[in-house]
Amino acid sequence: MKILVLGGTWFLGRAVAQAALDRGWSVDAFNRGRSGTAPDGTHEIHGDRTVREDLVHLAQQGPWDAVIDTSASELAPRDVLEGARALEPGARKYVYISTVNAYRG
């Protein structure tokens, strides 16, 4: 499988990327490069998902079997939707995980 992890450098995104690599999958990680690095073996693509040109560049890197979004907790819903729409043509599945709503307080 080839997956794209939005984020992939800390907390859940990093764990998802590492688990996929451990399964032998190809992993792209799209991030701003501000909070660490993705696990070894990950192809990092730097950019900001709130910048339209960065999303266009990212979409050209696909296709992916799945896009896994673990890094949208600080984004406006419109930014999450715009990103999903930009990646839709190259993504068989899009998984949104909200860790903010998984934990109390």
Protein backbone atom coordinates (compact mmCIF):
# COMPACT_ATOMS: atom_id res chain seq x y z
CA MET A 1 0.00 0.00 0.00
CA LYS A 2 0.99 3.58 -0.53
CA ILE A 3 -0.33 6.02 2.05
CA LEU A 4 -0.10 9.72 2.74
CA VAL A 5 -0.04 10.88 6.35
CA LEU A 6 -0.91 14.53 6.85
CA GLY A 7 1.55 15.39 9.59
CA GLY A 8 3.57 12.31 10.43
CA THR A 9 6.21 13.90 12.64
CA TRP A 10 4.74 13.71 16.16
CA PHE A 11 2.09 12.05 18.31
CA LEU A 12 -0.47 9.99 16.41
CA GLY A 13 0.75 10.88 12.90
CA ARG A 14 4.25 9.62 13.66
CA ALA A 15 2.85 6.40 15.16
CA VAL A 16 0.65 5.82 12.09
CA ALA A 17 3.59 6.42 9.74
CA GLN A 18 5.82 4.04 11.71
CA ALA A 19 3.16 1.31 11.85
CA ALA A 20 2.69 1.55 8.09
CA LEU A 21 6.44 1.34 7.48
CA ASP A 22 6.62 -1.70 9.79
CA ARG A 23 4.08 -3.37 7.49
CA GLY A 24 6.27 -2.66 4.48
CA TRP A 25 4.04 0.06 3.08
CA SER A 26 5.22 3.15 1.20
CA VAL A 27 4.62 6.26 3.30
CA ASP A 28 4.56 9.92 2.27
CA ALA A 29 4.31 12.48 5.09
CA PHE A 30 3.13 16.00 4.33
CA ASN A 31 4.14 18.51 6.97
CA ARG A 32 5.56 21.98 7.51
CA GLY A 33 8.85 20.67 8.91
CA ARG A 34 8.37 22.47 12.24
CA SER A 35 7.79 19.70 14.79
CA GLY A 36 10.38 17.04 14.13
CA THR A 37 10.97 14.57 11.36
CA ALA A 38 8.98 11.64 10.10
CA PRO A 39 10.29 8.12 10.78
CA ASP A 40 13.23 6.84 8.71
CA GLY A 41 12.01 5.43 5.43
CA THR A 42 9.24 8.00 5.07
CA HIS A 43 9.21 10.31 2.06
CA GLU A 44 8.66 13.78 3.50
CA ILE A 45 6.90 16.44 1.46
CA HIS A 46 7.07 19.87 3.03
CA GLY A 47 4.31 22.41 2.69
CA ASP A 48 1.41 24.08 4.43
CA ARG A 49 -2.04 22.63 3.90
CA THR A 50 -3.62 26.07 4.19
CA VAL A 51 -1.68 27.25 1.13
CA ARG A 52 -3.45 26.32 -2.11
CA GLU A 53 -0.22 26.01 -4.13
CA ASP A 54 1.20 23.57 -1.58
CA LEU A 55 -1.93 21.41 -1.83
CA VAL A 56 -1.69 21.41 -5.63
CA HIS A 57 1.96 20.31 -5.41
CA LEU A 58 1.05 17.62 -2.89
CA ALA A 59 -1.79 16.26 -5.03
CA GLN A 60 0.69 15.77 -7.86
CA GLN A 61 2.68 13.35 -5.67
CA GLY A 62 -0.14 10.75 -5.57
CA PRO A 63 -1.99 8.57 -6.06
CA TRP A 64 -2.38 6.93 -2.66
CA ASP A 65 -4.37 3.98 -1.44
CA ALA A 66 -5.26 6.06 1.61
CA VAL A 67 -4.76 9.54 3.02
CA ILE A 68 -4.71 9.63 6.82
CA ASP A 69 -5.35 13.02 8.38
CA THR A 70 -4.24 13.24 12.00
CA SER A 71 -3.14 16.86 12.13
CA ALA A 72 -6.20 19.05 11.63
CA SER A 73 -7.10 19.90 15.23
CA GLU A 74 -6.00 23.53 14.89
CA LEU A 75 -7.50 24.10 11.43
CA ALA A 76 -10.78 25.64 10.46
CA PRO A 77 -13.24 23.09 9.02
CA ARG A 78 -13.07 24.86 5.64
CA ASP A 79 -9.30 24.21 5.51
CA VAL A 80 -9.81 20.52 6.24
CA LEU A 81 -12.48 20.32 3.54
CA GLU A 82 -10.35 22.17 0.99
CA GLY A 83 -7.47 19.78 1.61
CA ALA A 84 -9.70 16.74 1.27
CA ARG A 85 -11.13 18.07 -1.98
CA ALA A 86 -7.66 18.80 -3.39
CA LEU A 87 -6.47 15.26 -2.62
CA GLU A 88 -9.67 13.43 -3.59
CA PRO A 89 -8.67 12.65 -7.21
CA GLY A 90 -5.54 10.82 -6.01
CA ALA A 91 -6.87 9.11 -2.89
CA ARG A 92 -8.84 5.88 -2.82
CA LYS A 93 -9.76 6.49 0.84
CA TYR A 94 -9.55 9.52 3.13
CA VAL A 95 -9.44 8.90 6.87
CA TYR A 96 -9.90 11.78 9.30
CA ILE A 97 -8.92 11.14 12.91
CA SER A 98 -9.76 13.75 15.52
CA THR A 99 -7.67 13.07 18.62
CA VAL A 100 -9.02 16.27 20.16
CA ASN A 101 -12.41 14.59 20.48
CA ALA A 102 -10.98 11.28 21.68
CA TYR A 103 -9.79 12.64 25.02
CA ARG A 104 -11.62 14.51 27.71
CA GLY A 105 -10.57 18.12 28.35
